[in-house]
C-alpha atoms as a PDB file:
ATOM      1  CA  MET A   1     135.955 109.298 110.555  1.00  0.00           C
ATOM      2  CA  ASN A   2     135.189 105.587 110.540  1.00  0.00           C
ATOM      3  CA  SER A   3     132.534 103.754 108.510  1.00  0.00           C
ATOM      4  CA  ILE A   4     129.897 103.958 111.250  1.00  0.00           C
ATOM      5  CA  ASP A   5     130.390 107.727 111.532  1.00  0.00           C
ATOM      6  CA  LEU A   6     130.040 108.062 107.751  1.00  0.00           C
ATOM      7  CA  ILE A   7     126.868 105.981 107.714  1.00  0.00           C
ATOM      8  CA  ILE A   8     125.373 108.148 110.477  1.00  0.00           C
ATOM      9  CA  LEU A   9     126.397 111.302 108.582  1.00  0.00           C
ATOM     10  CA  ASN A  10     124.764 109.925 105.426  1.00  0.00           C
ATOM     11  CA  PHE A  11     121.494 109.169 107.255  1.00  0.00           C
ATOM     12  CA  THR A  12     121.545 112.599 108.888  1.00  0.00           C
ATOM     13  CA  GLU A  13     122.159 114.458 105.630  1.00  0.00           C
ATOM     14  CA  ILE A  14     119.528 112.504 103.746  1.00  0.00           C
ATOM     15  CA  ARG A  15     116.936 113.187 106.451  1.00  0.00           C
ATOM     16  CA  ARG A  16     117.871 116.878 106.610  1.00  0.00           C
ATOM     17  CA  ARG A  17     117.251 117.217 102.894  1.00  0.00           C
ATOM     18  CA  SER A  18     114.085 115.113 103.033  1.00  0.00           C
ATOM     19  CA  ILE A  19     112.704 117.375 105.746  1.00  0.00           C
ATOM     20  CA  LYS A  20     113.443 120.411 103.578  1.00  0.00           C
ATOM     21  CA  VAL A  21     111.336 118.881 100.812  1.00  0.00           C
ATOM     22  CA  TRP A  22     108.594 117.537 103.082  1.00  0.00           C
ATOM     23  CA  THR A  23     108.078 120.803 104.934  1.00  0.00           C
ATOM     24  CA  SER A  24     108.065 122.777 101.668  1.00  0.00           C
ATOM     25  CA  ILE A  25     105.018 120.936 100.340  1.00  0.00           C
ATOM     26  CA  PRO A  26     102.006 123.251 100.574  1.00  0.00           C
ATOM     27  CA  THR A  27      99.377 121.841 102.943  1.00  0.00           C
ATOM     28  CA  GLU A  28      96.809 121.726 100.164  1.00  0.00           C
ATOM     29  CA  MET A  29      99.170 119.502  98.134  1.00  0.00           C
ATOM     30  CA  LEU A  30      99.853 116.849 100.810  1.00  0.00           C
ATOM     31  CA  ASN A  31      97.024 114.661  99.494  1.00  0.00           C
ATOM     32  CA  TRP A  32      98.008 115.144  95.843  1.00  0.00           C
ATOM     33  CA  LYS A  33      99.250 112.239  93.754  1.00  0.00           C
ATOM     34  CA  PRO A  34     100.121 112.074  90.074  1.00  0.00           C
ATOM     35  CA  ASP A  35      97.762 109.169  89.319  1.00  0.00           C
ATOM     36  CA  ASP A  36      95.323 106.806  90.998  1.00  0.00           C
ATOM     37  CA  GLU A  37      97.963 104.121  91.566  1.00  0.00           C
ATOM     38  CA  ALA A  38     100.506 106.413  93.263  1.00  0.00           C
ATOM     39  CA  MET A  39     100.944 107.324  96.905  1.00  0.00           C
ATOM     40  CA  THR A  40      99.965 110.824  97.971  1.00  0.00           C
ATOM     41  CA  CYS A  41     102.712 113.131  99.181  1.00  0.00           C
ATOM     42  CA  PHE A  42     101.628 112.459 102.761  1.00  0.00           C
ATOM     43  CA  GLU A  43     101.514 108.691 102.217  1.00  0.00           C
ATOM     44  CA  MET A  44     105.030 108.756 100.795  1.00  0.00           C
ATOM     45  CA  ILE A  45     106.381 110.679 103.801  1.00  0.00           C
ATOM     46  CA  ARG A  46     104.687 108.196 106.125  1.00  0.00           C
ATOM     47  CA  HIS A  47     106.030 105.302 104.026  1.00  0.00           C
ATOM     48  CA  VAL A  48     109.609 106.547 104.440  1.00  0.00           C
ATOM     49  CA  LEU A  49     109.288 107.017 108.200  1.00  0.00           C
ATOM     50  CA  GLU A  50     107.452 103.730 108.733  1.00  0.00           C
ATOM     51  CA  SER A  51     109.868 101.794 106.509  1.00  0.00           C
ATOM     52  CA  GLU A  52     112.835 103.052 108.494  1.00  0.00           C
ATOM     53  CA  HIS A  53     111.209 101.680 111.654  1.00  0.00           C
ATOM     54  CA  TYR A  54     110.540  98.350 109.933  1.00  0.00           C
ATOM     55  CA  TYR A  55     114.131  98.157 108.681  1.00  0.00           C
ATOM     56  CA  HIS A  56     115.429  98.918 112.167  1.00  0.00           C
ATOM     57  CA  LEU A  57     113.446  95.995 113.566  1.00  0.00           C
ATOM     58  CA  ALA A  58     114.576  93.774 110.684  1.00  0.00           C
ATOM     59  CA  ILE A  59     118.206  94.621 111.439  1.00  0.00           C
ATOM     60  CA  GLU A  60     117.715  93.768 115.092  1.00  0.00           C
ATOM     61  CA  ASN A  61     115.988  90.543 113.978  1.00  0.00           C
ATOM     62  CA  ARG A  62     118.780  89.876 111.441  1.00  0.00           C
ATOM     63  CA  GLY A  63     116.095  89.450 108.815  1.00  0.00           C
ATOM     64  CA  SER A  64     112.539  90.074 107.731  1.00  0.00           C
ATOM     65  CA  LEU A  65     109.885  90.168 110.417  1.00  0.00           C
ATOM     66  CA  PRO A  66     107.259  87.416 110.459  1.00  0.00           C
ATOM     67  CA  SER A  67     104.705  90.128 111.254  1.00  0.00           C
ATOM     68  CA  PHE A  68     104.848  93.879 111.655  1.00  0.00           C
ATOM     69  CA  ASP A  69     102.435  95.792 113.844  1.00  0.00           C
ATOM     70  CA  SER A  70     103.209  99.326 112.747  1.00  0.00           C
ATOM     71  CA  PRO A  71     102.716 102.082 115.314  1.00  0.00           C
ATOM     72  CA  PHE A  72     102.348 104.478 112.378  1.00  0.00           C
ATOM     73  CA  GLU A  73      99.100 102.856 111.197  1.00  0.00           C
ATOM     74  CA  LYS A  74      97.294 104.124 114.282  1.00  0.00           C
ATOM     75  CA  GLN A  75      98.316 107.740 113.664  1.00  0.00           C
ATOM     76  CA  PRO A  76      96.006 110.039 111.729  1.00  0.00           C
ATOM     77  CA  TYR A  77      97.542 112.168 108.996  1.00  0.00           C
ATOM     78  CA  THR A  78      97.592 115.681 110.451  1.00  0.00           C
ATOM     79  CA  SER A  79     100.785 117.493 109.470  1.00  0.00           C
ATOM     80  CA  VAL A  80     104.326 116.835 108.370  1.00  0.00           C
ATOM     81  CA  GLU A  81     105.549 118.249 111.683  1.00  0.00           C
ATOM     82  CA  ALA A  82     103.328 115.795 113.608  1.00  0.00           C
ATOM     83  CA  GLU A  83     104.682 112.907 111.514  1.00  0.00           C
ATOM     84  CA  LEU A  84     108.247 113.933 112.265  1.00  0.00           C
ATOM     85  CA  GLU A  85     107.525 114.364 115.966  1.00  0.00           C
ATOM     86  CA  PHE A  86     105.889 110.937 116.154  1.00  0.00           C
ATOM     87  CA  ALA A  87     108.772 109.300 114.268  1.00  0.00           C
ATOM     88  CA  GLU A  88     111.556 111.001 116.254  1.00  0.00           C
ATOM     89  CA  PRO A  89     111.875 108.420 119.077  1.00  0.00           C
ATOM     90  CA  TYR A  90     112.033 105.609 116.493  1.00  0.00           C
ATOM     91  CA  ARG A  91     114.652 107.547 114.541  1.00  0.00           C
ATOM     92  CA  LYS A  92     116.789 108.061 117.653  1.00  0.00           C
ATOM     93  CA  GLN A  93     116.610 104.347 118.503  1.00  0.00           C
ATOM     94  CA  PHE A  94     117.592 103.436 114.947  1.00  0.00           C
ATOM     95  CA  LEU A  95     120.625 105.740 114.949  1.00  0.00           C
ATOM     96  CA  GLU A  96     121.675 104.464 118.394  1.00  0.00           C
ATOM     97  CA  THR A  97     121.489 100.909 117.079  1.00  0.00           C
ATOM     98  CA  ILE A  98     123.726 101.839 114.157  1.00  0.00           C
ATOM     99  CA  LYS A  99     126.214 103.462 116.547  1.00  0.00           C
ATOM    100  CA  SER A 100     126.353 100.237 118.571  1.00  0.00           C
ATOM    101  CA  PHE A 101     127.809  98.273 115.660  1.00  0.00           C
ATOM    102  CA  SER A 102     131.501  97.802 114.991  1.00  0.00           C
ATOM    103  CA  GLN A 103     133.373  98.038 111.708  1.00  0.00           C
ATOM    104  CA  GLN A 104     133.544  94.250 111.710  1.00  0.00           C
ATOM    105  CA  ASP A 105     129.776  93.969 112.228  1.00  0.00           C
ATOM    106  CA  LEU A 106     129.180  95.838 108.970  1.00  0.00           C
ATOM    107  CA  LYS A 107     130.751  92.911 107.080  1.00  0.00           C
ATOM    108  CA  GLU A 108     129.914  89.958 109.289  1.00  0.00           C
ATOM    109  CA  ILE A 109     126.278  90.489 110.278  1.00  0.00           C
ATOM    110  CA  LYS A 110     123.916  89.181 107.624  1.00  0.00           C
ATOM    111  CA  ILE A 111     120.383  90.484 107.179  1.00  0.00           C
ATOM    112  CA  ASP A 112     118.252  87.705 105.698  1.00  0.00           C
ATOM    113  CA  ARG A 113     115.444  89.095 103.596  1.00  0.00           C
ATOM    114  CA  SER A 114     115.337  86.096 101.296  1.00  0.00           C
ATOM    115  CA  ASP A 115     111.535  86.444 101.328  1.00  0.00           C
ATOM    116  CA  SER A 116     112.200  89.706  99.424  1.00  0.00           C
ATOM    117  CA  GLY A 117     114.936  88.119  97.329  1.00  0.00           C
ATOM    118  CA  TYR A 118     118.154  88.982  99.132  1.00  0.00           C
ATOM    119  CA  ILE A 119     120.550  88.456 102.011  1.00  0.00           C
ATOM    120  CA  ARG A 120     122.891  91.419 102.610  1.00  0.00           C
ATOM    121  CA  ASP A 121     125.761  92.363 104.867  1.00  0.00           C
ATOM    122  CA  LEU A 122     124.706  94.888 107.499  1.00  0.00           C
ATOM    123  CA  GLY A 123     126.767  97.669 105.864  1.00  0.00           C
ATOM    124  CA  ASP A 124     125.107  97.045 102.508  1.00  0.00           C
ATOM    125  CA  MET A 125     121.677  96.951 104.139  1.00  0.00           C
ATOM    126  CA  LEU A 126     122.222 100.271 105.922  1.00  0.00           C
ATOM    127  CA  LEU A 127     123.201 101.948 102.661  1.00  0.00           C
ATOM    128  CA  ARG A 128     120.105 100.500 100.967  1.00  0.00           C
ATOM    129  CA  ILE A 129     117.888 101.899 103.725  1.00  0.00           C
ATOM    130  CA  ALA A 130     119.374 105.347 103.214  1.00  0.00           C
ATOM    131  CA  TYR A 131     118.973 105.007  99.455  1.00  0.00           C
ATOM    132  CA  HIS A 132     115.296 104.121  99.912  1.00  0.00           C
ATOM    133  CA  GLU A 133     114.649 107.498 101.546  1.00  0.00           C
ATOM    134  CA  SER A 134     116.695 109.319  98.911  1.00  0.00           C
ATOM    135  CA  VAL A 135     114.687 107.769  96.084  1.00  0.00           C
ATOM    136  CA  HIS A 136     111.403 108.797  97.666  1.00  0.00           C
ATOM    137  CA  THR A 137     112.658 112.333  98.254  1.00  0.00           C
ATOM    138  CA  GLY A 138     113.457 112.489  94.547  1.00  0.00           C
ATOM    139  CA  GLN A 139     109.993 111.176  93.733  1.00  0.00           C
ATOM    140  CA  LEU A 140     108.424 113.928  95.833  1.00  0.00           C
ATOM    141  CA  LEU A 141     110.480 116.530  93.986  1.00  0.00           C
ATOM    142  CA  ASP A 142     109.114 115.074  90.751  1.00  0.00           C
ATOM    143  CA  TYR A 143     105.567 115.177  92.166  1.00  0.00           C
ATOM    144  CA  LEU A 144     106.028 118.871  92.899  1.00  0.00           C
ATOM    145  CA  ARG A 145     107.370 119.529  89.400  1.00  0.00           C
ATOM    146  CA  THR A 146     104.456 117.624  87.839  1.00  0.00           C
ATOM    147  CA  ALA A 147     101.952 119.556  89.972  1.00  0.00           C
ATOM    148  CA  GLY A 148     103.574 122.864  89.032  1.00  0.00           C
ATOM    149  CA  VAL A 149     104.653 123.589  92.609  1.00  0.00           C
ATOM    150  CA  PRO A 150     107.979 125.418  93.116  1.00  0.00           C
ATOM    151  CA  ARG A 151     110.673 123.134  94.501  1.00  0.00           C
ATOM    152  CA  ILE A 152     112.970 123.976  97.362  1.00  0.00           C
ATOM    153  CA  ARG A 153     116.710 123.908  96.755  1.00  0.00           C
ATOM    154  CA  ILE A 154     118.177 120.902  98.548  1.00  0.00           C
ATOM    155  CA  TRP A 155     121.713 121.098  97.154  1.00  0.00           C
ATOM    156  CA  ASP A 156     123.325 123.408  99.672  1.00  0.00           C
END
């Protein structure tokens, strides 16, 4: 397995586990949040899916976007399944883009997000994108614990 294959495997495994958590959230809890400043469960799921699309465009742009017209903003919150279905074509495009890179690209392509305080190699950036989703999946597990909702087992 080469580095690109491992990165794809990492993204796939993270999403598989995220989906386990997302689809385990009772419908009546999707609009729950631990405090007034926090995102709801639904908002956090949308944030993860929308951010992945943004990051994909930023990678193609080799840096932050001057503006971002999110297709997700136009979608009403209806169900986790509808969110996943809407995001699927963007997900496929993102994974195809990753597959198009070479080992050398992972080191040589720079992603300039100096407006956010960093410039990273493509490989580093891809791992950070995956980590972003992992962190939010952990936050949702904590939300469920705080709300007293049983948590699904993701460590299989």
